[in-house]
Amino acid sequence: KQRESVARITYGSSPNYADSVKGRFTISRDNAKNTVYLQM
């Protein structure tokens, strides 16, 4: 299959998600740790 977007987070805006993962996945960022997470 082709690569598909799952979740995206920008500074100052709400994250957005693919319909297939809404309500199940959460994207977050920790600027202090220079890390982005995807809780599934």
PDB file of all heavy atoms in Angstrom:
ATOM      1  N   LYS A   1       0.829  -1.205   0.000  1.00  0.00           N
ATOM      2  CA  LYS A   1       0.000   0.000   0.000  1.00  0.00           C
ATOM      3  C   LYS A   1       0.863   1.253   0.000  1.00  0.00           C
ATOM      4  O   LYS A   1       2.044   1.212   0.345  1.00  0.00           O
ATOM      5  CB  LYS A   1      -0.936  -0.001   1.207  1.00  0.00           C
ATOM      6  CG  LYS A   1      -1.962  -1.106   1.189  1.00  0.00           C
ATOM      7  CD  LYS A   1      -2.973  -0.927   2.310  1.00  0.00           C
ATOM      8  CE  LYS A   1      -4.061  -1.990   2.251  1.00  0.00           C
ATOM      9  NZ  LYS A   1      -5.071  -1.801   3.323  1.00  0.00           N
ATOM     10  N   GLN A   2       0.228   2.366  -0.366  1.00  0.00           N
ATOM     11  CA  GLN A   2       0.942   3.642  -0.344  1.00  0.00           C
ATOM     12  C   GLN A   2       1.060   4.158   1.088  1.00  0.00           C
ATOM     13  O   GLN A   2       0.243   3.837   1.954  1.00  0.00           O
ATOM     14  CB  GLN A   2       0.193   4.667  -1.204  1.00  0.00           C
ATOM     15  CG  GLN A   2       0.291   4.407  -2.692  1.00  0.00           C
ATOM     16  CD  GLN A   2      -0.229   5.572  -3.511  1.00  0.00           C
ATOM     17  OE1 GLN A   2      -1.079   6.335  -3.057  1.00  0.00           O
ATOM     18  NE2 GLN A   2       0.289   5.726  -4.720  1.00  0.00           N
ATOM     19  N   ARG A   3       2.068   4.980   1.297  1.00  0.00           N
ATOM     20  CA  ARG A   3       2.233   5.617   2.602  1.00  0.00           C
ATOM     21  C   ARG A   3       1.071   6.584   2.814  1.00  0.00           C
ATOM     22  O   ARG A   3       0.700   7.334   1.904  1.00  0.00           O
ATOM     23  CB  ARG A   3       3.572   6.350   2.660  1.00  0.00           C
ATOM     24  CG  ARG A   3       3.966   6.814   4.044  1.00  0.00           C
ATOM     25  CD  ARG A   3       5.376   7.368   4.059  1.00  0.00           C
ATOM     26  NE  ARG A   3       6.363   6.350   3.727  1.00  0.00           N
ATOM     27  CZ  ARG A   3       7.672   6.533   3.835  1.00  0.00           C
ATOM     28  NH1 ARG A   3       8.149   7.701   4.291  1.00  0.00           N
ATOM     29  NH2 ARG A   3       8.519   5.578   3.505  1.00  0.00           N
ATOM     30  N   GLU A   4       0.497   6.572   4.021  1.00  0.00           N
ATOM     31  CA  GLU A   4      -0.642   7.425   4.303  1.00  0.00           C
ATOM     32  C   GLU A   4      -0.423   8.216   5.587  1.00  0.00           C
ATOM     33  O   GLU A   4       0.265   7.772   6.509  1.00  0.00           O
ATOM     34  CB  GLU A   4      -1.927   6.593   4.437  1.00  0.00           C
ATOM     35  CG  GLU A   4      -1.916   5.593   5.578  1.00  0.00           C
ATOM     36  CD  GLU A   4      -3.242   4.867   5.737  1.00  0.00           C
ATOM     37  OE1 GLU A   4      -4.188   5.144   4.986  1.00  0.00           O
ATOM     38  OE2 GLU A   4      -3.321   4.011   6.644  1.00  0.00           O
ATOM     39  N   SER A   5      -1.041   9.377   5.622  1.00  0.00           N
ATOM     40  CA  SER A   5      -0.952  10.224   6.803  1.00  0.00           C
ATOM     41  C   SER A   5      -1.813   9.655   7.925  1.00  0.00           C
ATOM     42  O   SER A   5      -2.936   9.211   7.685  1.00  0.00           O
ATOM     43  CB  SER A   5      -1.415  11.641   6.457  1.00  0.00           C
ATOM     44  OG  SER A   5      -1.439  12.445   7.605  1.00  0.00           O
ATOM     45  N   VAL A   6      -1.294   9.675   9.123  1.00  0.00           N
ATOM     46  CA  VAL A   6      -2.023   9.193  10.286  1.00  0.00           C
ATOM     47  C   VAL A   6      -2.423  10.347  11.198  1.00  0.00           C
ATOM     48  O   VAL A   6      -3.575  10.461  11.604  1.00  0.00           O
ATOM     49  CB  VAL A   6      -1.162   8.188  11.082  1.00  0.00           C
ATOM     50  CG1 VAL A   6      -1.860   7.781  12.378  1.00  0.00           C
ATOM     51  CG2 VAL A   6      -0.840   6.963  10.245  1.00  0.00           C
ATOM     52  N   ALA A   7      -1.467  11.199  11.529  1.00  0.00           N
ATOM     53  CA  ALA A   7      -1.734  12.311  12.442  1.00  0.00           C
ATOM     54  C   ALA A   7      -0.702  13.413  12.200  1.00  0.00           C
ATOM     55  O   ALA A   7       0.431  13.125  11.803  1.00  0.00           O
ATOM     56  CB  ALA A   7      -1.669  11.848  13.894  1.00  0.00           C
ATOM     57  N   ARG A   8      -1.130  14.643  12.464  1.00  0.00           N
ATOM     58  CA  ARG A   8      -0.243  15.793  12.239  1.00  0.00           C
ATOM     59  C   ARG A   8      -0.486  16.824  13.321  1.00  0.00           C
ATOM     60  O   ARG A   8      -1.643  17.068  13.710  1.00  0.00           O
ATOM     61  CB  ARG A   8      -0.511  16.388  10.857  1.00  0.00           C
ATOM     62  CG  ARG A   8       0.412  17.522  10.438  1.00  0.00           C
ATOM     63  CD  ARG A   8       0.149  17.872   8.980  1.00  0.00           C
ATOM     64  NE  ARG A   8       1.010  18.946   8.484  1.00  0.00           N
ATOM     65  CZ  ARG A   8       0.657  20.218   8.472  1.00  0.00           C
ATOM     66  NH1 ARG A   8      -0.518  20.582   8.935  1.00  0.00           N
ATOM     67  NH2 ARG A   8       1.490  21.135   7.978  1.00  0.00           N
ATOM     68  N   ILE A   9       0.611  17.420  13.785  1.00  0.00           N
ATOM     69  CA  ILE A   9       0.487  18.427  14.828  1.00  0.00           C
ATOM     70  C   ILE A   9       1.319  19.639  14.443  1.00  0.00           C
ATOM     71  O   ILE A   9       2.471  19.509  14.012  1.00  0.00           O
ATOM     72  CB  ILE A   9       0.906  17.855  16.206  1.00  0.00           C
ATOM     73  CG1 ILE A   9       0.622  18.845  17.328  1.00  0.00           C
ATOM     74  CG2 ILE A   9       2.382  17.434  16.224  1.00  0.00           C
ATOM     75  CD1 ILE A   9       0.727  18.234  18.715  1.00  0.00           C
ATOM     76  N   THR A  10       0.734  20.820  14.553  1.00  0.00           N
ATOM     77  CA  THR A  10       1.441  22.057  14.275  1.00  0.00           C
ATOM     78  C   THR A  10       1.441  22.922  15.523  1.00  0.00           C
ATOM     79  O   THR A  10       0.624  22.731  16.422  1.00  0.00           O
ATOM     80  CB  THR A  10       0.788  22.837  13.123  1.00  0.00           C
ATOM     81  OG1 THR A  10      -0.570  23.132  13.494  1.00  0.00           O
ATOM     82  CG2 THR A  10       0.785  22.018  11.847  1.00  0.00           C
ATOM     83  N   TYR A  11       2.343  23.879  15.544  1.00  0.00           N
ATOM     84  CA  TYR A  11       2.430  24.744  16.718  1.00  0.00           C
ATOM     85  C   TYR A  11       1.221  25.663  16.761  1.00  0.00           C
ATOM     86  O   TYR A  11       0.917  26.364  15.807  1.00  0.00           O
ATOM     87  CB  TYR A  11       3.710  25.575  16.678  1.00  0.00           C
ATOM     88  CG  TYR A  11       3.849  26.483  17.881  1.00  0.00           C
ATOM     89  CD1 TYR A  11       4.212  25.959  19.125  1.00  0.00           C
ATOM     90  CD2 TYR A  11       3.595  27.851  17.788  1.00  0.00           C
ATOM     91  CE1 TYR A  11       4.325  26.777  20.236  1.00  0.00           C
ATOM     92  CE2 TYR A  11       3.712  28.665  18.894  1.00  0.00           C
ATOM     93  CZ  TYR A  11       4.076  28.131  20.110  1.00  0.00           C
ATOM     94  OH  TYR A  11       4.198  28.948  21.199  1.00  0.00           O
ATOM     95  N   GLY A  12       0.478  25.628  17.863  1.00  0.00           N
ATOM     96  CA  GLY A  12      -0.627  26.553  18.059  1.00  0.00           C
ATOM     97  C   GLY A  12      -1.943  26.115  17.468  1.00  0.00           C
ATOM     98  O   GLY A  12      -2.925  26.861  17.548  1.00  0.00           O
ATOM     99  N   SER A  13      -1.983  24.929  16.864  1.00  0.00           N
ATOM    100  CA  SER A  13      -3.242  24.450  16.280  1.00  0.00           C
ATOM    101  C   SER A  13      -3.583  23.070  16.823  1.00  0.00           C
ATOM    102  O   SER A  13      -2.717  22.359  17.322  1.00  0.00           O
ATOM    103  CB  SER A  13      -3.133  24.381  14.763  1.00  0.00           C
ATOM    104  OG  SER A  13      -2.881  25.648  14.218  1.00  0.00           O
ATOM    105  N   SER A  14      -4.840  22.726  16.689  1.00  0.00           N
ATOM    106  CA  SER A  14      -5.268  21.400  17.118  1.00  0.00           C
ATOM    107  C   SER A  14      -4.723  20.352  16.166  1.00  0.00           C
ATOM    108  O   SER A  14      -4.625  20.580  14.960  1.00  0.00           O
ATOM    109  CB  SER A  14      -6.791  21.326  17.151  1.00  0.00           C
ATOM    110  OG  SER A  14      -7.310  22.253  18.068  1.00  0.00           O
ATOM    111  N   PRO A  15      -4.384  19.188  16.680  1.00  0.00           N
ATOM    112  CA  PRO A  15      -3.905  18.111  15.797  1.00  0.00           C
ATOM    113  C   PRO A  15      -5.011  17.651  14.864  1.00  0.00           C
ATOM    114  O   PRO A  15      -6.197  17.853  15.134  1.00  0.00           O
ATOM    115  CB  PRO A  15      -3.531  16.999  16.775  1.00  0.00           C
ATOM    116  CG  PRO A  15      -3.457  17.624  18.111  1.00  0.00           C
ATOM    117  CD  PRO A  15      -4.364  18.787  18.091  1.00  0.00           C
ATOM    118  N   ASN A  16      -4.621  17.053  13.757  1.00  0.00           N
ATOM    119  CA  ASN A  16      -5.627  16.411  12.916  1.00  0.00           C
ATOM    120  C   ASN A  16      -5.236  14.964  12.653  1.00  0.00           C
ATOM    121  O   ASN A  16      -4.052  14.610  12.696  1.00  0.00           O
ATOM    122  CB  ASN A  16      -5.871  17.185  11.623  1.00  0.00           C
ATOM    123  CG  ASN A  16      -4.604  17.485  10.871  1.00  0.00           C
ATOM    124  OD1 ASN A  16      -3.900  16.599  10.439  1.00  0.00           O
ATOM    125  ND2 ASN A  16      -4.314  18.760  10.711  1.00  0.00           N
ATOM    126  N   TYR A  17      -6.243  14.158  12.395  1.00  0.00           N
ATOM    127  CA  TYR A  17      -6.084  12.705  12.309  1.00  0.00           C
ATOM    128  C   TYR A  17      -6.787  12.140  11.080  1.00  0.00           C
ATOM    129  O   TYR A  17      -7.794  12.689  10.622  1.00  0.00           O
ATOM    130  CB  TYR A  17      -6.685  12.036  13.550  1.00  0.00           C
ATOM    131  CG  TYR A  17      -6.049  12.450  14.850  1.00  0.00           C
ATOM    132  CD1 TYR A  17      -6.562  13.521  15.591  1.00  0.00           C
ATOM    133  CD2 TYR A  17      -4.927  11.795  15.337  1.00  0.00           C
ATOM    134  CE1 TYR A  17      -5.969  13.922  16.774  1.00  0.00           C
ATOM    135  CE2 TYR A  17      -4.328  12.183  16.525  1.00  0.00           C
ATOM    136  CZ  TYR A  17      -4.852  13.244  17.234  1.00  0.00           C
ATOM    137  OH  TYR A  17      -4.263  13.640  18.418  1.00  0.00           O
ATOM    138  N   ALA A  18      -6.261  11.022  10.625  1.00  0.00           N
ATOM    139  CA  ALA A  18      -6.978  10.261   9.604  1.00  0.00           C
ATOM    140  C   ALA A  18      -8.267   9.720  10.219  1.00  0.00           C
ATOM    141  O   ALA A  18      -8.310   9.394  11.412  1.00  0.00           O
ATOM    142  CB  ALA A  18      -6.109   9.111   9.104  1.00  0.00           C
ATOM    143  N   ASP A  19      -9.310   9.631   9.404  1.00  0.00           N
ATOM    144  CA  ASP A  19     -10.598   9.139   9.912  1.00  0.00           C
ATOM    145  C   ASP A  19     -10.456   7.754  10.542  1.00  0.00           C
ATOM    146  O   ASP A  19     -11.127   7.433  11.519  1.00  0.00           O
ATOM    147  CB  ASP A  19     -11.620   9.093   8.778  1.00  0.00           C
ATOM    148  CG  ASP A  19     -12.076  10.479   8.358  1.00  0.00           C
ATOM    149  OD1 ASP A  19     -11.869  11.438   9.130  1.00  0.00           O
ATOM    150  OD2 ASP A  19     -12.645  10.594   7.264  1.00  0.00           O
ATOM    151  N   SER A  20      -9.576   6.949   9.990  1.00  0.00           N
ATOM    152  CA  SER A  20      -9.445   5.566  10.453  1.00  0.00           C
ATOM    153  C   SER A  20      -8.868   5.447  11.862  1.00  0.00           C
ATOM    154  O   SER A  20      -8.978   4.390  12.486  1.00  0.00           O
ATOM    155  CB  SER A  20      -8.572   4.772   9.480  1.00  0.00           C
ATOM    156  OG  SER A  20      -7.288   5.362   9.376  1.00  0.00           O
ATOM    157  N   VAL A  21      -8.249   6.530  12.368  1.00  0.00           N
ATOM    158  CA  VAL A  21      -7.626   6.454  13.704  1.00  0.00           C
ATOM    159  C   VAL A  21      -8.230   7.430  14.700  1.00  0.00           C
ATOM    160  O   VAL A  21      -7.852   7.421  15.875  1.00  0.00           O
ATOM    161  CB  VAL A  21      -6.097   6.681  13.624  1.00  0.00           C
ATOM    162  CG1 VAL A  21      -5.472   5.742  12.601  1.00  0.00           C
ATOM    163  CG2 VAL A  21      -5.761   8.122  13.313  1.00  0.00           C
ATOM    164  N   LYS A  22      -9.175   8.257  14.272  1.00  0.00           N
ATOM    165  CA  LYS A  22      -9.791   9.227  15.174  1.00  0.00           C
ATOM    166  C   LYS A  22     -10.417   8.533  16.373  1.00  0.00           C
ATOM    167  O   LYS A  22     -11.118   7.535  16.227  1.00  0.00           O
ATOM    168  CB  LYS A  22     -10.854  10.038  14.430  1.00  0.00           C
ATOM    169  CG  LYS A  22     -10.296  11.158  13.598  1.00  0.00           C
ATOM    170  CD  LYS A  22     -11.414  11.931  12.905  1.00  0.00           C
ATOM    171  CE  LYS A  22     -10.844  13.024  12.023  1.00  0.00           C
ATOM    172  NZ  LYS A  22     -11.905  13.730  11.266  1.00  0.00           N
ATOM    173  N   GLY A  23     -10.148   9.090  17.543  1.00  0.00           N
ATOM    174  CA  GLY A  23     -10.689   8.514  18.766  1.00  0.00           C
ATOM    175  C   GLY A  23      -9.857   7.383  19.333  1.00  0.00           C
ATOM    176  O   GLY A  23     -10.099   6.945  20.465  1.00  0.00           O
ATOM    177  N   ARG A  24      -8.865   6.916  18.576  1.00  0.00           N
ATOM    178  CA  ARG A  24      -8.013   5.820  19.054  1.00  0.00           C
ATOM    179  C   ARG A  24      -6.555   6.261  19.210  1.00  0.00           C
ATOM    180  O   ARG A  24      -5.856   5.781  20.107  1.00  0.00           O
ATOM    181  CB  ARG A  24      -8.080   4.643  18.078  1.00  0.00           C
ATOM    182  CG  ARG A  24      -9.455   4.059  17.903  1.00  0.00           C
ATOM    183  CD  ARG A  24      -9.408   2.763  17.092  1.00  0.00           C
ATOM    184  NE  ARG A  24      -8.897   2.953  15.744  1.00  0.00           N
ATOM    185  CZ  ARG A  24      -7.852   2.314  15.249  1.00  0.00           C
ATOM    186  NH1 ARG A  24      -7.192   1.432  15.974  1.00  0.00           N
ATOM    187  NH2 ARG A  24      -7.460   2.543  13.998  1.00  0.00           N
ATOM    188  N   PHE A  25      -6.094   7.136  18.331  1.00  0.00           N
ATOM    189  CA  PHE A  25      -4.693   7.588  18.343  1.00  0.00           C
ATOM    190  C   PHE A  25      -4.629   9.035  18.812  1.00  0.00           C
ATOM    191  O   PHE A  25      -5.526   9.835  18.537  1.00  0.00           O
ATOM    192  CB  PHE A  25      -4.085   7.509  16.945  1.00  0.00           C
ATOM    193  CG  PHE A  25      -3.852   6.118  16.418  1.00  0.00           C
ATOM    194  CD1 PHE A  25      -4.370   4.992  17.043  1.00  0.00           C
ATOM    195  CD2 PHE A  25      -3.092   5.932  15.266  1.00  0.00           C
ATOM    196  CE1 PHE A  25      -4.148   3.726  16.547  1.00  0.00           C
ATOM    197  CE2 PHE A  25      -2.854   4.668  14.753  1.00  0.00           C
ATOM    198  CZ  PHE A  25      -3.387   3.566  15.402  1.00  0.00           C
ATOM    199  N   THR A  26      -3.533   9.361  19.495  1.00  0.00           N
ATOM    200  CA  THR A  26      -3.303  10.729  19.947  1.00  0.00           C
ATOM    201  C   THR A  26      -1.858  11.113  19.663  1.00  0.00           C
ATOM    202  O   THR A  26      -0.930  10.416  20.092  1.00  0.00           O
ATOM    203  CB  THR A  26      -3.577  10.881  21.451  1.00  0.00           C
ATOM    204  OG1 THR A  26      -4.921  10.487  21.732  1.00  0.00           O
ATOM    205  CG2 THR A  26      -3.384  12.327  21.888  1.00  0.00           C
ATOM    206  N   ILE A  27      -1.674  12.231  18.964  1.00  0.00           N
ATOM    207  CA  ILE A  27      -0.335  12.757  18.707  1.00  0.00           C
ATOM    208  C   ILE A  27      -0.054  13.870  19.700  1.00  0.00           C
ATOM    209  O   ILE A  27      -0.952  14.657  20.035  1.00  0.00           O
ATOM    210  CB  ILE A  27      -0.205  13.264  17.252  1.00  0.00           C
ATOM    211  CG1 ILE A  27       1.249  13.639  16.941  1.00  0.00           C
ATOM    212  CG2 ILE A  27      -1.147  14.421  16.972  1.00  0.00           C
ATOM    213  CD1 ILE A  27       1.494  13.952  15.449  1.00  0.00           C
ATOM    214  N   SER A  28       1.166  13.920  20.184  1.00  0.00           N
ATOM    215  CA  SER A  28       1.545  14.978  21.118  1.00  0.00           C
ATOM    216  C   SER A  28       3.030  15.283  20.927  1.00  0.00           C
ATOM    217  O   SER A  28       3.764  14.508  20.316  1.00  0.00           O
ATOM    218  CB  SER A  28       1.275  14.568  22.561  1.00  0.00           C
ATOM    219  OG  SER A  28       2.036  13.420  22.912  1.00  0.00           O
ATOM    220  N   ARG A  29       3.434  16.447  21.431  1.00  0.00           N
ATOM    221  CA  ARG A  29       4.831  16.833  21.312  1.00  0.00           C
ATOM    222  C   ARG A  29       5.341  17.334  22.648  1.00  0.00           C
ATOM    223  O   ARG A  29       4.618  18.005  23.383  1.00  0.00           O
ATOM    224  CB  ARG A  29       5.023  17.881  20.217  1.00  0.00           C
ATOM    225  CG  ARG A  29       4.237  19.164  20.416  1.00  0.00           C
ATOM    226  CD  ARG A  29       4.168  20.000  19.150  1.00  0.00           C
ATOM    227  NE  ARG A  29       5.456  20.519  18.738  1.00  0.00           N
ATOM    228  CZ  ARG A  29       5.685  21.094  17.566  1.00  0.00           C
ATOM    229  NH1 ARG A  29       4.715  21.203  16.680  1.00  0.00           N
ATOM    230  NH2 ARG A  29       6.878  21.555  17.267  1.00  0.00           N
ATOM    231  N   ASP A  30       6.574  16.998  22.955  1.00  0.00           N
ATOM    232  CA  ASP A  30       7.247  17.484  24.161  1.00  0.00           C
ATOM    233  C   ASP A  30       8.456  18.284  23.690  1.00  0.00           C
ATOM    234  O   ASP A  30       9.497  17.716  23.369  1.00  0.00           O
ATOM    235  CB  ASP A  30       7.665  16.309  25.048  1.00  0.00           C
ATOM    236  CG  ASP A  30       8.240  16.755  26.382  1.00  0.00           C
ATOM    237  OD1 ASP A  30       8.777  17.888  26.457  1.00  0.00           O
ATOM    238  OD2 ASP A  30       8.168  15.982  27.337  1.00  0.00           O
ATOM    239  N   ASN A  31       8.302  19.593  23.654  1.00  0.00           N
ATOM    240  CA  ASN A  31       9.366  20.447  23.125  1.00  0.00           C
ATOM    241  C   ASN A  31      10.636  20.345  23.973  1.00  0.00           C
ATOM    242  O   ASN A  31      11.745  20.438  23.445  1.00  0.00           O
ATOM    243  CB  ASN A  31       8.896  21.888  23.044  1.00  0.00           C
ATOM    244  CG  ASN A  31       7.831  22.093  21.988  1.00  0.00           C
ATOM    245  OD1 ASN A  31       7.727  21.306  21.034  1.00  0.00           O
ATOM    246  ND2 ASN A  31       7.017  23.121  22.151  1.00  0.00           N
ATOM    247  N   ALA A  32      10.472  20.143  25.277  1.00  0.00           N
ATOM    248  CA  ALA A  32      11.642  20.064  26.158  1.00  0.00           C
ATOM    249  C   ALA A  32      12.496  18.840  25.843  1.00  0.00           C
ATOM    250  O   ALA A  32      13.721  18.857  26.037  1.00  0.00           O
ATOM    251  CB  ALA A  32      11.198  20.047  27.605  1.00  0.00           C
ATOM    252  N   LYS A  33      11.847  17.784  25.351  1.00  0.00           N
ATOM    253  CA  LYS A  33      12.567  16.546  25.021  1.00  0.00           C
ATOM    254  C   LYS A  33      12.799  16.385  23.530  1.00  0.00           C
ATOM    255  O   LYS A  33      13.336  15.365  23.090  1.00  0.00           O
ATOM    256  CB  LYS A  33      11.798  15.340  25.558  1.00  0.00           C
ATOM    257  CG  LYS A  33      11.693  15.298  27.072  1.00  0.00           C
ATOM    258  CD  LYS A  33      10.980  14.037  27.542  1.00  0.00           C
ATOM    259  CE  LYS A  33      10.929  13.970  29.055  1.00  0.00           C
ATOM    260  NZ  LYS A  33      10.218  12.739  29.539  1.00  0.00           N
ATOM    261  N   ASN A  34      12.381  17.372  22.740  1.00  0.00           N
ATOM    262  CA  ASN A  34      12.524  17.300  21.279  1.00  0.00           C
ATOM    263  C   ASN A  34      11.926  16.007  20.734  1.00  0.00           C
ATOM    264  O   ASN A  34      12.501  15.361  19.844  1.00  0.00           O
ATOM    265  CB  ASN A  34      13.999  17.411  20.872  1.00  0.00           C
ATOM    266  CG  ASN A  34      14.607  18.737  21.265  1.00  0.00           C
ATOM    267  OD1 ASN A  34      13.907  19.743  21.329  1.00  0.00           O
ATOM    268  ND2 ASN A  34      15.890  18.741  21.551  1.00  0.00           N
ATOM    269  N   THR A  35      10.769  15.643  21.238  1.00  0.00           N
ATOM    270  CA  THR A  35      10.164  14.357  20.906  1.00  0.00           C
ATOM    271  C   THR A  35       8.682  14.526  20.599  1.00  0.00           C
ATOM    272  O   THR A  35       7.993  15.307  21.253  1.00  0.00           O
ATOM    273  CB  THR A  35      10.349  13.360  22.068  1.00  0.00           C
ATOM    274  OG1 THR A  35      11.751  13.181  22.319  1.00  0.00           O
ATOM    275  CG2 THR A  35       9.733  12.012  21.730  1.00  0.00           C
ATOM    276  N   VAL A  36       8.244  13.777  19.612  1.00  0.00           N
ATOM    277  CA  VAL A  36       6.830  13.686  19.271  1.00  0.00           C
ATOM    278  C   VAL A  36       6.381  12.254  19.530  1.00  0.00           C
ATOM    279  O   VAL A  36       7.130  11.304  19.245  1.00  0.00           O
ATOM    280  CB  VAL A  36       6.587  14.072  17.802  1.00  0.00           C
ATOM    281  CG1 VAL A  36       5.133  13.872  17.414  1.00  0.00           C
ATOM    282  CG2 VAL A  36       6.998  15.515  17.571  1.00  0.00           C
ATOM    283  N   TYR A  37       5.168  12.121  20.043  1.00  0.00           N
ATOM    284  CA  TYR A  37       4.649  10.811  20.401  1.00  0.00           C
ATOM    285  C   TYR A  37       3.394  10.488  19.601  1.00  0.00           C
ATOM    286  O   TYR A  37       2.679  11.382  19.145  1.00  0.00           O
ATOM    287  CB  TYR A  37       4.302  10.756  21.892  1.00  0.00           C
ATOM    288  CG  TYR A  37       5.458  11.061  22.806  1.00  0.00           C
ATOM    289  CD1 TYR A  37       5.616  12.330  23.351  1.00  0.00           C
ATOM    290  CD2 TYR A  37       6.396  10.087  23.120  1.00  0.00           C
ATOM    291  CE1 TYR A  37       6.683  12.620  24.188  1.00  0.00           C
ATOM    292  CE2 TYR A  37       7.466  10.367  23.958  1.00  0.00           C
ATOM    293  CZ  TYR A  37       7.601  11.633  24.488  1.00  0.00           C
ATOM    294  OH  TYR A  37       8.657  11.922  25.318  1.00  0.00           O
ATOM    295  N   LEU A  38       3.131   9.196  19.468  1.00  0.00           N
ATOM    296  CA  LEU A  38       1.863   8.738  18.921  1.00  0.00           C
ATOM    297  C   LEU A  38       1.356   7.641  19.851  1.00  0.00           C
ATOM    298  O   LEU A  38       1.907   6.535  19.870  1.00  0.00           O
ATOM    299  CB  LEU A  38       2.005   8.203  17.498  1.00  0.00           C
ATOM    300  CG  LEU A  38       0.692   7.809  16.832  1.00  0.00           C
ATOM    301  CD1 LEU A  38      -0.172   9.060  16.570  1.00  0.00           C
ATOM    302  CD2 LEU A  38       0.928   7.068  15.520  1.00  0.00           C
ATOM    303  N   GLN A  39       0.357   7.987  20.649  1.00  0.00           N
ATOM    304  CA  GLN A  39      -0.275   7.011  21.516  1.00  0.00           C
ATOM    305  C   GLN A  39      -1.349   6.300  20.725  1.00  0.00           C
ATOM    306  O   GLN A  39      -2.258   6.943  20.199  1.00  0.00           O
ATOM    307  CB  GLN A  39      -0.884   7.695  22.743  1.00  0.00           C
ATOM    308  CG  GLN A  39      -1.620   6.761  23.676  1.00  0.00           C
ATOM    309  CD  GLN A  39      -0.705   5.758  24.363  1.00  0.00           C
ATOM    310  OE1 GLN A  39       0.368   6.125  24.829  1.00  0.00           O
ATOM    311  NE2 GLN A  39      -1.126   4.505  24.413  1.00  0.00           N
ATOM    312  N   MET A  40      -1.254   4.978  20.648  1.00  0.00           N
ATOM    313  CA  MET A  40      -2.181   4.192  19.841  1.00  0.00           C
ATOM    314  C   MET A  40      -2.918   3.225  20.753  1.00  0.00           C
ATOM    315  O   MET A  40      -2.296   2.360  21.383  1.00  0.00           O
ATOM    316  CB  MET A  40      -1.416   3.427  18.757  1.00  0.00           C
ATOM    317  CG  MET A  40      -0.540   4.316  17.885  1.00  0.00           C
ATOM    318  SD  MET A  40       0.210   3.432  16.501  1.00  0.00           S
ATOM    319  CE  MET A  40       1.266   2.283  17.379  1.00  0.00           C
TER     320      MET A  40
END
